[in-house]
Protein backbone atom coordinates (compact mmCIF):
# COMPACT_ATOMS: atom_id res chain seq x y z
CA MET A 1 -8.98 49.67 21.44
CA LEU A 2 -7.42 49.22 25.31
CA LYS A 3 -8.63 46.92 27.89
CA SER A 4 -6.77 46.85 31.47
CA VAL A 5 -8.20 44.34 34.41
CA ARG A 6 -6.73 44.91 38.04
CA THR A 7 -4.46 42.92 40.38
CA SER A 8 -2.68 42.44 43.23
CA TYR A 9 0.28 44.20 41.67
CA ALA A 10 -1.21 46.51 39.19
CA LYS A 11 -3.79 47.65 36.45
CA VAL A 12 -2.48 44.80 33.81
CA VAL A 13 -3.25 46.64 30.41
CA LEU A 14 -3.37 44.98 26.86
CA ALA A 15 -2.91 47.52 23.77
CA LEU A 16 -3.20 46.59 20.18
CA LEU A 17 0.05 47.42 18.09
CA HIS A 18 -0.34 51.07 16.97
CA ASP A 19 -3.48 51.69 19.15
CA ASN A 20 -3.02 55.41 21.59
CA VAL A 21 -2.64 54.25 25.41
CA THR A 22 -4.00 56.94 27.73
CA PHE A 23 -2.84 55.93 31.40
CA THR A 24 -5.01 57.99 34.41
CA CYS A 25 -3.89 58.45 38.07
CA LYS A 26 -6.49 59.97 40.42
CA ILE A 27 -4.69 63.68 42.26
CA TYR A 28 -4.75 62.65 45.94
CA PRO A 29 -5.87 66.29 47.79
CA PHE A 30 -3.25 68.46 47.87
CA PRO A 31 0.19 66.62 46.95
CA HIS A 32 3.59 68.08 46.66
CA THR A 33 4.84 66.39 43.58
CA LEU A 34 3.31 63.79 40.68
CA LEU A 35 5.86 61.82 38.91
CA TRP A 36 5.48 59.30 36.25
CA LYS A 37 8.51 56.42 35.84
CA TYR A 38 8.81 53.87 33.59
CA ASP A 39 10.54 50.39 34.55
CA ASN A 40 11.37 52.61 37.38
CA ASP A 41 13.14 55.05 35.74
CA VAL A 42 11.46 58.60 35.69
CA ILE A 43 9.72 59.91 32.62
CA ASP A 44 8.54 62.83 33.54
CA SER A 45 8.56 65.13 36.49
CA ASN A 46 6.70 68.08 35.10
CA GLN A 47 4.19 67.71 37.22
CA ALA A 48 5.71 68.91 40.13
CA GLY A 49 3.89 70.70 42.79
CA VAL A 50 0.75 70.12 40.84
CA GLN A 51 -2.27 70.44 43.40
CA ALA A 52 -6.10 69.96 43.59
CA ASN A 53 -9.00 70.35 45.77
CA ASP A 54 -11.44 68.15 43.56
CA ASN A 55 -11.35 64.63 45.02
CA ASP A 56 -11.92 63.30 41.01
CA ALA A 57 -9.21 64.90 40.13
CA ALA A 58 -6.59 62.74 38.18
CA MET A 59 -3.59 63.09 35.61
CA LYS A 60 -2.95 61.52 32.61
CA TRP A 61 0.29 59.90 30.39
CA ASN A 62 -0.84 59.47 27.34
CA ILE A 63 1.38 56.88 24.90
CA PRO A 64 0.39 57.66 20.59
CA ASN A 65 1.13 54.66 18.48
CA VAL A 66 2.75 51.71 21.09
CA ASN A 67 4.79 49.81 20.02
CA PHE A 68 6.48 46.69 21.24
CA LYS A 69 9.62 48.80 22.87
CA ASP A 70 6.59 50.67 25.19
CA ALA A 71 5.45 47.69 27.13
CA GLY A 72 6.30 47.19 30.30
CA ASN A 73 5.67 48.97 33.57
CA TYR A 74 4.12 51.84 34.31
CA SER A 75 3.76 53.78 37.94
CA CYS A 76 2.44 57.28 38.96
CA VAL A 77 3.77 57.98 42.35
CA GLN A 78 2.86 61.27 44.39
CA PHE A 79 4.77 62.70 47.19
CA GLY A 80 2.88 64.24 49.67
CA ILE A 81 4.03 67.51 51.99
CA ARG A 82 4.92 64.81 54.54
CA GLY A 83 7.04 63.19 52.06
CA VAL A 84 4.66 60.03 51.93
CA ALA A 85 4.38 58.45 48.70
CA LYS A 86 1.31 57.06 47.33
CA SER A 87 1.39 55.26 43.88
CA SER A 88 -0.90 53.49 40.70
CA ASN A 89 0.57 51.06 39.02
CA PHE A 90 0.43 49.96 35.56
CA ARG A 91 1.44 46.44 33.41
CA LEU A 92 1.51 47.85 29.66
CA LEU A 93 1.29 44.42 27.24
CA ILE A 94 1.07 44.99 23.42
CA GLN A 95 -0.49 42.88 21.04
CA GLY A 96 0.50 42.30 17.59
CA HIS A 97 -2.39 42.12 14.45
CA PRO A 98 -2.71 38.56 13.61
CA ASN A 99 -1.89 37.62 10.45
CA ILE A 100 -3.74 34.82 8.14
CA SER A 101 -1.88 33.37 5.51
CA VAL A 102 -3.88 30.27 3.51
CA SER A 103 -1.84 27.10 1.95
CA GLN A 104 -3.54 26.90 -1.35
CA THR A 105 -6.10 28.41 -3.72
CA THR A 106 -6.04 25.59 -6.01
CA THR A 107 -6.65 22.19 -5.06
CA VAL A 108 -8.50 19.17 -6.56
CA GLU A 109 -11.71 19.30 -3.79
CA GLY A 110 -11.24 17.12 -1.13
CA GLU A 111 -7.20 17.36 -0.46
CA SER A 112 -6.83 19.26 2.26
CA ILE A 113 -5.86 23.11 3.11
CA THR A 114 -3.98 24.94 5.49
CA ALA A 115 -4.76 28.12 7.03
CA THR A 116 -1.86 29.33 9.10
CA CYS A 117 -3.11 31.76 11.74
CA CYS A 118 0.04 34.40 13.67
CA VAL A 119 0.64 36.42 16.22
CA GLU A 120 3.56 38.54 17.75
CA ASN A 121 2.92 39.96 21.31
CA SER A 122 5.25 41.52 23.64
CA PHE A 123 4.36 38.88 26.62
CA PRO A 124 5.49 34.70 26.30
CA PRO A 125 3.32 33.02 23.51
CA GLY A 126 1.02 30.45 24.77
CA GLU A 127 -1.22 32.94 26.45
CA SER A 128 -3.62 34.33 23.63
CA LEU A 129 -5.77 31.35 22.60
CA PHE A 130 -7.15 31.36 18.34
CA SER A 131 -10.90 30.52 17.08
CA TRP A 132 -11.82 29.90 13.67
CA SER A 133 -14.97 30.93 11.81
CA LEU A 134 -15.99 30.45 7.82
CA GLY A 135 -18.68 32.81 7.01
CA GLU A 136 -20.47 33.96 9.70
CA MET A 137 -20.32 30.23 11.30
CA PRO A 138 -17.32 28.82 13.42
CA VAL A 139 -15.45 26.01 12.01
CA THR A 140 -16.28 23.36 14.22
CA ARG A 141 -20.00 23.87 12.74
CA TYR A 142 -19.12 22.43 9.49
CA GLN A 143 -19.44 19.53 10.63
CA HIS A 144 -18.80 17.97 6.40
CA VAL A 145 -15.35 19.65 6.68
CA PRO A 146 -12.92 17.35 8.85
CA PHE A 147 -10.52 20.52 10.30
CA GLN A 148 -7.73 20.08 12.88
CA GLU A 149 -5.86 22.72 14.82
CA ALA A 150 -1.86 22.41 15.84
CA CYS A 151 -0.03 25.52 17.57
CA PHE A 152 3.08 26.24 17.85
CA ASN A 153 5.55 29.40 19.36
CA SER A 154 8.63 30.87 18.71
CA PHE A 155 10.07 33.60 21.32
CA HIS A 156 7.19 36.10 20.79
CA ILE A 157 5.53 34.76 18.17
CA GLN A 158 2.60 32.36 17.90
CA CYS A 159 1.32 30.46 15.32
CA CYS A 160 -1.62 28.06 14.73
CA ASP A 161 -2.75 25.69 12.07
CA VAL A 162 -6.23 24.45 11.08
CA VAL A 163 -6.13 22.49 7.72
CA PHE A 164 -9.75 21.41 7.32
CA THR A 165 -10.82 19.49 4.18
CA SER A 166 -11.41 21.37 0.64
CA SER A 167 -15.71 21.36 -0.60
CA ARG A 168 -17.49 23.32 -2.51
CA ASP A 169 -19.25 24.96 0.61
CA VAL A 170 -15.85 26.93 1.74
CA HIS A 171 -15.58 28.21 -2.09
CA ASP A 172 -15.81 31.81 -1.64
CA GLN A 173 -15.71 31.95 2.45
CA GLU A 174 -13.93 34.13 4.87
CA ILE A 175 -12.07 31.99 6.61
CA THR A 176 -11.86 34.42 9.90
CA CYS A 177 -8.81 34.21 12.77
CA LEU A 178 -10.33 35.59 15.70
CA ILE A 179 -7.83 35.91 19.04
CA ASP A 180 -9.87 35.31 21.46
CA ASN A 181 -9.22 37.60 24.39
CA GLU A 182 -10.81 40.64 25.26
CA LEU A 183 -9.22 42.63 22.60
CA GLN A 184 -10.49 40.61 20.01
CA ALA A 185 -8.62 41.21 17.52
CA SER A 186 -9.33 39.34 13.90
CA THR A 187 -8.20 39.04 10.50
CA SER A 188 -9.67 37.12 7.45
CA SER A 189 -8.72 35.65 3.88
CA ARG A 190 -11.08 35.14 1.24
CA LEU A 191 -11.02 31.37 0.15
CA GLU A 192 -11.05 32.04 -3.90
CA ILE A 193 -10.65 28.33 -3.93
CA PHE A 194 -10.51 27.02 -7.48
CA TYR A 195 -11.51 23.18 -7.49
CA LEU A 196 -9.36 21.78 -10.13
CA PRO A 197 -10.76 18.04 -11.70
CA ARG A 198 -10.00 15.07 -10.53
CA LEU A 199 -8.66 12.61 -13.07
CA ARG A 200 -8.80 8.88 -13.51
CA ILE A 201 -6.75 6.38 -16.14
CA PHE A 202 -9.23 3.11 -16.96
CA LEU A 203 -7.48 0.14 -18.97
CA ASN A 204 -10.79 -2.08 -19.92
CA GLU A 205 -13.29 -0.60 -17.39
CA ASP A 206 -10.57 -1.20 -14.48
CA GLU A 207 -9.12 1.72 -12.47
CA VAL A 208 -5.19 2.10 -13.39
CA ILE A 209 -3.78 3.21 -9.76
CA ASP A 210 -0.27 4.07 -11.04
CA THR A 211 0.67 0.92 -12.49
CA VAL A 212 -0.60 -1.88 -14.67
CA GLU A 213 0.72 -4.88 -16.53
CA VAL A 214 -0.48 -5.42 -20.99
CA ILE A 215 0.19 -8.06 -23.22
CA LYS A 216 2.37 -6.32 -26.28
CA GLY A 217 0.77 -5.86 -29.42
CA GLN A 218 -2.87 -5.76 -27.88
CA THR A 219 -5.12 -3.44 -28.02
CA TYR A 220 -6.60 -2.21 -24.97
CA ASN A 221 -9.67 0.71 -25.03
CA LEU A 222 -8.12 3.03 -22.49
CA ALA A 223 -10.33 5.90 -20.81
CA CYS A 224 -10.07 8.96 -19.08
CA GLU A 225 -12.29 10.22 -16.82
CA ALA A 226 -12.75 14.46 -15.27
CA ARG A 227 -14.59 14.42 -12.78
CA SER A 228 -16.21 17.28 -10.02
CA ALA A 229 -15.99 19.96 -12.62
CA LYS A 230 -18.32 22.73 -12.90
CA PHE A 231 -17.18 22.98 -15.96
CA LYS A 232 -15.99 21.36 -19.50
CA VAL A 233 -12.20 20.50 -19.54
CA GLU A 234 -9.87 19.46 -22.65
CA LEU A 235 -8.26 16.27 -21.97
CA ARG A 236 -5.72 14.94 -23.79
CA TRP A 237 -3.22 11.72 -23.85
CA ILE A 238 0.28 11.81 -24.03
CA ILE A 239 1.65 8.17 -24.39
CA ASN A 240 5.37 8.20 -23.99
CA SER A 241 5.74 12.20 -24.80
CA VAL A 242 3.65 11.98 -27.86
CA SER A 243 0.48 13.30 -27.99
CA ILE A 244 -2.04 10.94 -29.02
CA ASP A 245 -4.96 12.75 -31.42
CA GLU A 246 -5.93 9.81 -33.62
CA ASN A 247 -8.81 7.48 -32.64
CA VAL A 248 -9.93 9.37 -29.53
CA ASN A 249 -13.15 10.30 -28.90
CA HIS A 250 -14.25 12.92 -26.48
CA LEU A 251 -17.77 12.85 -24.29
CA PHE A 252 -19.08 14.92 -22.05
CA ASN A 253 -22.08 15.06 -19.05
CA GLU A 254 -24.15 17.35 -16.64
CA ASP A 255 -25.48 15.84 -14.58
CA THR A 256 -28.69 17.16 -12.04
CA ASN A 257 -25.97 19.35 -9.58
CA GLY A 258 -23.86 21.27 -12.55
CA ASN A 259 -21.09 19.24 -12.54
CA VAL A 260 -19.86 18.46 -15.70
CA SER A 261 -18.24 15.19 -16.39
CA SER A 262 -15.23 14.91 -19.42
CA LYS A 263 -14.11 11.54 -20.62
CA ILE A 264 -11.47 10.88 -23.37
CA ASP A 265 -11.65 7.36 -25.02
CA LEU A 266 -8.51 5.80 -26.54
CA SER A 267 -7.59 2.54 -28.57
CA TYR A 268 -4.43 1.60 -28.16
CA ALA A 269 -2.12 -1.43 -28.68
CA PHE A 270 1.84 -1.02 -26.34
CA GLN A 271 4.61 -2.12 -28.34
CA THR A 272 7.07 -0.73 -25.95
CA HIS A 273 7.74 -2.91 -22.98
CA THR A 274 7.44 0.44 -20.50
CA SER A 275 5.03 3.14 -21.20
CA THR A 276 4.59 6.72 -19.31
CA VAL A 277 0.16 7.26 -20.03
CA VAL A 278 -0.40 10.75 -19.01
CA CYS A 279 -4.10 11.99 -18.99
CA SER A 280 -3.56 15.82 -19.25
CA ALA A 281 -6.67 18.33 -18.55
CA TYR A 282 -6.65 22.30 -19.55
CA VAL A 283 -9.25 24.04 -17.82
CA GLU A 284 -9.25 27.08 -18.31
CA PRO A 285 -10.93 29.42 -16.07
CA GLU A 286 -8.23 29.09 -13.71
CA PHE A 287 -5.03 28.28 -16.54
CA VAL A 288 -4.04 25.58 -14.89
CA THR A 289 -2.93 21.67 -16.64
CA VAL A 290 -3.85 18.75 -14.05
CA SER A 291 -2.82 15.65 -15.23
CA LYS A 292 -2.75 11.97 -14.13
CA ARG A 293 0.06 9.39 -15.20
CA ALA A 294 0.37 5.68 -15.27
CA GLN A 295 3.48 2.99 -15.73
CA VAL A 296 2.58 0.52 -18.30
CA PHE A 297 4.56 -2.97 -18.89
CA ALA A 298 4.01 -5.08 -21.91
CA TYR A 299 5.20 -8.67 -21.81
CA LEU A 300 5.16 -10.85 -24.99
CA VAL A 301 2.94 -13.91 -24.36
CA PRO A 302 5.59 -16.65 -24.63
CA ASP A 303 4.87 -19.67 -26.81
CA LEU A 304 4.95 -22.95 -24.87
CA ASN A 305 6.63 -25.73 -25.23
CA ILE A 306 6.64 -29.14 -22.93
CA LEU A 307 8.95 -31.50 -23.09
CA VAL A 308 8.54 -35.21 -21.87
CA ASN A 309 12.48 -36.47 -20.30
CA ASP A 310 14.12 -34.25 -21.95
CA ALA A 311 12.51 -34.92 -25.57
CA SER A 312 10.61 -33.01 -27.67
CA SER A 313 6.51 -34.03 -27.78
CA VAL A 314 3.34 -33.14 -29.75
CA GLY A 315 0.28 -34.78 -28.63
CA GLU A 316 -0.10 -37.73 -27.04
CA ILE A 317 2.91 -38.78 -25.60
CA SER A 318 3.40 -42.92 -24.48
CA VAL A 319 6.10 -43.44 -21.41
CA TYR A 320 5.84 -48.00 -20.65
CA ASP A 321 9.64 -48.30 -19.31
CA ASN A 322 9.88 -45.80 -16.32
CA PRO A 323 6.61 -44.21 -14.82
CA VAL A 324 8.48 -41.21 -13.24
CA VAL A 325 8.32 -38.77 -16.17
CA LYS A 326 10.35 -35.79 -16.29
CA LEU A 327 8.79 -32.19 -17.67
CA THR A 328 9.79 -29.37 -18.77
CA CYS A 329 7.91 -26.55 -19.98
CA ILE A 330 9.72 -24.20 -21.90
CA ALA A 331 8.67 -20.61 -22.83
CA ILE A 332 9.55 -18.87 -26.12
CA ASN A 333 9.54 -15.44 -26.76
CA ALA A 334 9.27 -15.16 -22.99
CA SER A 335 10.36 -11.17 -22.19
CA SER A 336 10.91 -11.87 -18.56
CA GLN A 337 10.63 -14.21 -15.60
CA LEU A 338 7.15 -15.27 -15.41
CA GLU A 339 5.23 -17.09 -12.79
CA VAL A 340 4.12 -20.99 -14.04
CA GLU A 341 1.46 -23.74 -13.17
CA TRP A 342 1.54 -27.29 -13.73
CA THR A 343 -1.67 -29.14 -13.44
CA ALA A 344 -3.14 -32.44 -14.54
CA GLU A 345 -6.69 -33.13 -14.44
CA GLY A 346 -7.24 -29.21 -14.00
CA LYS A 347 -5.51 -30.12 -10.37
CA ARG A 348 -2.15 -28.60 -9.06
CA LEU A 349 0.16 -30.40 -9.51
CA ASP A 350 2.16 -29.27 -6.45
CA GLU A 351 -1.13 -30.05 -4.51
CA LEU A 352 -1.47 -33.17 -6.24
CA TYR A 353 1.59 -35.21 -5.71
CA GLY A 354 3.22 -33.10 -3.49
CA VAL A 355 5.77 -32.31 -6.22
CA ARG A 356 8.47 -29.57 -6.43
CA ILE A 357 8.18 -27.10 -9.04
CA VAL A 358 10.83 -25.30 -10.25
CA PRO A 359 9.35 -21.76 -11.16
CA PHE A 360 10.58 -20.65 -15.19
CA VAL A 361 14.46 -19.50 -14.74
CA LYS A 362 16.14 -18.27 -17.52
CA ASN A 363 19.39 -21.01 -18.31
CA ALA A 364 22.93 -20.04 -19.97
CA ASN A 365 21.23 -19.65 -22.95
CA GLY A 366 18.43 -17.61 -22.65
CA ILE A 367 15.53 -19.80 -22.65
CA VAL A 368 12.78 -19.44 -19.87
CA THR A 369 12.40 -23.05 -18.30
CA SER A 370 10.36 -24.64 -15.67
CA ASN A 371 10.64 -28.46 -14.37
CA VAL A 372 8.81 -30.95 -12.66
CA SER A 373 8.91 -34.80 -12.06
CA ILE A 374 6.07 -37.35 -11.37
CA VAL A 375 5.17 -40.55 -11.59
CA LEU A 376 2.54 -41.58 -13.12
CA ARG A 377 -0.63 -43.04 -11.34
CA GLU A 378 -3.32 -43.74 -14.60
CA ASP A 379 -2.30 -45.45 -18.19
CA TYR A 380 -2.34 -41.06 -19.01
CA THR A 381 -2.25 -38.30 -17.31
CA THR A 382 -3.13 -34.96 -19.03
CA VAL A 383 -1.15 -32.21 -17.41
CA SER A 384 -0.66 -28.42 -18.63
CA CYS A 385 1.95 -25.90 -18.64
CA VAL A 386 0.38 -22.41 -17.22
CA SER A 387 1.94 -18.81 -17.22
CA SER A 388 1.66 -15.32 -16.31
CA GLY A 389 0.67 -14.37 -19.61
CA GLU A 390 -1.99 -16.40 -19.81
CA SER A 391 -0.52 -18.84 -22.17
CA GLU A 392 -1.48 -22.54 -21.48
CA LEU A 393 0.33 -25.43 -23.60
CA GLN A 394 -1.55 -29.17 -22.40
CA ARG A 395 0.07 -32.35 -22.99
CA LYS A 396 -1.17 -35.89 -22.88
CA VAL A 397 1.68 -38.67 -21.19
């Protein structure tokens, strides 16, 4: 394909790589000599003595299968009998064929896909404009398929990326990159995108994003769902690198649009402090395995004991001599530092009395304690020590 446009200096000829190019030079009446030049070097002088009586006569210069090395300035120079020269000038620009690549053909619906289109030219980059289409429609017409474009240049190569969100609307579509100039060169790639199911893990019906804390030894209901799939997928649980096959319940549900929701339930009690929970899905049509993982941290619920003035307390404690009472909450079987809350008659001590509460700390003997000192304001007060492990102890003082 060959296109040309006149400029003040020369006729600019833009040709595709490997095309055949022909320059046509009109022959003026009775020329004496005709030369073809390339960048001012004579490349052919066999036209000497060519004459013509026809005003429409012309001579042609053919360049078959043009390459980048053929780009440059060409001249047809004619010398008359009296040595008067006339010339026709051409500037040949070579544009390569664009090529396109797609970042991925297997993805989760809603993830980003990048298509890259590059073209090599004999002229500096930045003069080529790219346009994109999906199927028969420009990308901009896909209002529900967000996209953005970014271009970059390197020497005589120009590339543009278009990033768009994958959806079922673009599956099995052709994405086309068009060099938007008079040559209208384009290239396409078919988006045979397989959409993998999106996995979600739930613990007692609450979704687990990355991490979750549980009580050690307590049984929880784990659930994993695979959504946005057009087919059933095989789900399985892997906890601490061990496949769990017992007490597993598989469920499948298909909506009116043909989307299949696969679900797997499991009742499980965590016995170790840190566990890695993996829900794995094997997608048979694509022979691909996808997974979702979560970290589970299991803590013991500590047994609490309250000391009054450093003495053990059981039930109701009477204080007569000193209204200032030092309370110490001891957390037994605490696996880590806990958060503590002291309350009196249902109100926080730090808010009620303005006292300073010492958080749970582990002393030199490895015992986790929290201290608070209060002034008794009534005949008795119900004081509670509450830990972050949901354990609570009340004492009347």
